[in-house]
Amino acid sequence: MQIWITSTLISLVTVFTINAQETTEPAPTGGFGSLLPMMIVMFAIIYFLMIRPEQKKQKQRQEMLGNIKKGDKVLTAGGIIGVVGNVKDDVIMVKIAENTVIELTKSAITSVINRETSDKEGAKEEKKK
């Protein structure tokens, strides 16, 4: 009788163990845990390739507009090249020809042309001729 009880207990423990192994679900392999690092990596790539360079360009432009002074040669968004005559808060007077002065906002200026650069280019052109 003792052998029968022992064998029955062993068989019941085996059955419960097998059933317990079958009912446990495997741990999820995907989900939010693997998605979060991928999102962080994508944001870092976008930040360093797109956002940061634009911020640098914007900072350089604001610095350029802040440093405009009388006598600088400038290029406007409309393609007009002239010399700055007077600088106020947000308005610049640009001389584009003899007795022709136009009033522009600072945001209309796309670049400041160095006099040194234009003088060097003029000297190169004269040497070629």
Protein backbone atom coordinates (compact mmCIF):
# COMPACT_ATOMS: atom_id res chain seq x y z
CA MET A 1 0.00 0.00 0.00
CA GLN A 2 2.85 2.35 0.76
CA ILE A 3 4.32 1.80 -2.68
CA TRP A 4 0.99 2.63 -4.27
CA ILE A 5 0.70 5.93 -2.33
CA THR A 6 4.28 6.85 -3.16
CA SER A 7 3.86 6.10 -6.84
CA THR A 8 0.56 8.04 -6.89
CA LEU A 9 2.20 11.05 -5.26
CA ILE A 10 5.08 10.93 -7.71
CA SER A 11 2.73 10.74 -10.65
CA LEU A 12 0.62 13.67 -9.29
CA VAL A 13 3.74 15.81 -8.79
CA THR A 14 4.85 14.97 -12.33
CA VAL A 15 1.44 15.90 -13.77
CA PHE A 16 1.34 19.22 -11.87
CA THR A 17 4.88 20.02 -12.97
CA ILE A 18 4.10 19.33 -16.63
CA ASN A 19 0.88 21.38 -16.44
CA ALA A 20 2.68 24.23 -14.70
CA GLN A 21 5.33 24.31 -17.45
CA GLU A 22 2.68 24.34 -20.18
CA THR A 23 0.62 27.14 -18.66
CA THR A 24 3.45 29.58 -18.04
CA GLU A 25 3.73 32.05 -20.88
CA PRO A 26 7.09 33.03 -22.26
CA ALA A 27 8.31 36.53 -21.49
CA PRO A 28 7.53 39.03 -24.24
CA THR A 29 10.48 39.54 -26.55
CA GLY A 30 9.35 42.86 -28.10
CA GLY A 31 7.08 45.60 -26.88
CA PHE A 32 7.87 48.94 -25.34
CA GLY A 33 11.10 47.76 -23.76
CA SER A 34 12.79 47.34 -27.15
CA LEU A 35 10.95 50.24 -28.79
CA LEU A 36 12.14 52.90 -26.34
CA PRO A 37 15.90 52.58 -27.07
CA MET A 38 15.19 52.65 -30.81
CA MET A 39 13.16 55.84 -30.42
CA ILE A 40 15.97 57.45 -28.42
CA VAL A 41 18.52 56.54 -31.09
CA MET A 42 16.29 57.92 -33.87
CA PHE A 43 15.76 61.19 -31.97
CA ALA A 44 19.53 61.54 -31.44
CA ILE A 45 20.18 61.00 -35.17
CA ILE A 46 17.53 63.57 -36.15
CA TYR A 47 18.85 66.05 -33.58
CA PHE A 48 22.48 65.86 -34.71
CA LEU A 49 21.72 65.76 -38.45
CA MET A 50 18.86 68.25 -38.71
CA ILE A 51 18.01 70.30 -35.63
CA ARG A 52 21.48 71.23 -34.36
CA PRO A 53 22.85 72.48 -37.72
CA GLU A 54 19.74 74.65 -38.19
CA GLN A 55 20.21 76.14 -34.73
CA LYS A 56 23.84 76.96 -35.58
CA LYS A 57 22.82 78.62 -38.87
CA GLN A 58 20.14 80.65 -37.11
CA LYS A 59 22.62 81.76 -34.43
CA GLN A 60 25.17 82.81 -37.09
CA ARG A 61 22.50 84.76 -38.98
CA GLN A 62 21.39 86.60 -35.83
CA GLU A 63 25.02 87.43 -35.08
CA MET A 64 25.55 88.68 -38.65
CA LEU A 65 22.44 90.90 -38.49
CA GLY A 66 23.50 92.25 -35.10
CA ASN A 67 26.97 93.18 -36.38
CA ILE A 68 25.84 95.14 -39.45
CA LYS A 69 27.34 98.63 -39.38
CA LYS A 70 27.56 101.70 -41.57
CA GLY A 71 29.70 101.12 -44.66
CA ASP A 72 29.10 97.36 -44.95
CA LYS A 73 28.27 96.00 -48.39
CA VAL A 74 25.14 93.83 -48.16
CA LEU A 75 23.06 91.53 -50.35
CA THR A 76 19.28 91.66 -49.89
CA ALA A 77 16.76 88.88 -50.33
CA GLY A 78 15.64 90.55 -53.55
CA GLY A 79 19.14 90.34 -55.00
CA ILE A 80 20.02 94.01 -54.54
CA ILE A 81 23.59 94.81 -53.53
CA GLY A 82 24.19 98.06 -51.70
CA VAL A 83 26.13 99.84 -48.99
CA VAL A 84 24.64 100.38 -45.53
CA GLY A 85 24.18 104.07 -44.80
CA ASN A 86 22.35 104.13 -41.49
CA VAL A 87 21.39 101.44 -38.97
CA LYS A 88 18.47 101.84 -36.58
CA ASP A 89 16.88 99.20 -34.34
CA ASP A 90 15.32 96.98 -37.00
CA VAL A 91 15.61 99.26 -40.07
CA ILE A 92 18.61 99.74 -42.34
CA MET A 93 19.10 102.44 -44.97
CA VAL A 94 20.92 100.95 -47.98
CA LYS A 95 22.43 103.04 -50.76
CA ILE A 96 22.07 101.16 -54.05
CA ALA A 97 23.07 103.92 -56.50
CA GLU A 98 23.91 107.62 -56.56
CA ASN A 99 21.13 109.49 -54.77
CA THR A 100 19.13 106.25 -54.36
CA VAL A 101 18.61 105.00 -50.81
CA ILE A 102 16.14 102.32 -49.81
CA GLU A 103 14.87 101.47 -46.36
CA LEU A 104 14.88 97.77 -45.43
CA THR A 105 14.28 95.67 -42.37
CA LYS A 106 17.26 93.71 -41.07
CA SER A 107 15.54 90.44 -41.94
CA ALA A 108 15.72 91.38 -45.65
CA ILE A 109 19.53 91.15 -45.54
CA THR A 110 20.79 87.72 -46.61
CA SER A 111 24.53 88.28 -46.35
CA VAL A 112 27.23 90.84 -45.67
CA ILE A 113 29.84 91.03 -48.41
CA ASN A 114 33.33 91.75 -47.05
CA ARG A 115 35.10 94.69 -48.61
CA GLU A 116 38.40 92.79 -48.31
CA THR A 117 36.99 89.87 -50.28
CA SER A 118 35.55 92.12 -53.00
CA ASP A 119 38.84 94.10 -53.18
CA LYS A 120 40.83 90.87 -53.61
CA GLU A 121 38.46 89.64 -56.32
CA GLY A 122 38.74 93.00 -58.10
CA ALA A 123 42.54 92.82 -57.96
CA LYS A 124 42.47 89.27 -59.39
CA GLU A 125 40.24 90.37 -62.26
CA GLU A 126 42.57 93.30 -63.04
CA LYS A 127 45.58 90.96 -63.10
CA LYS A 128 43.77 88.65 -65.57
CA LYS A 129 43.12 91.53 -67.96
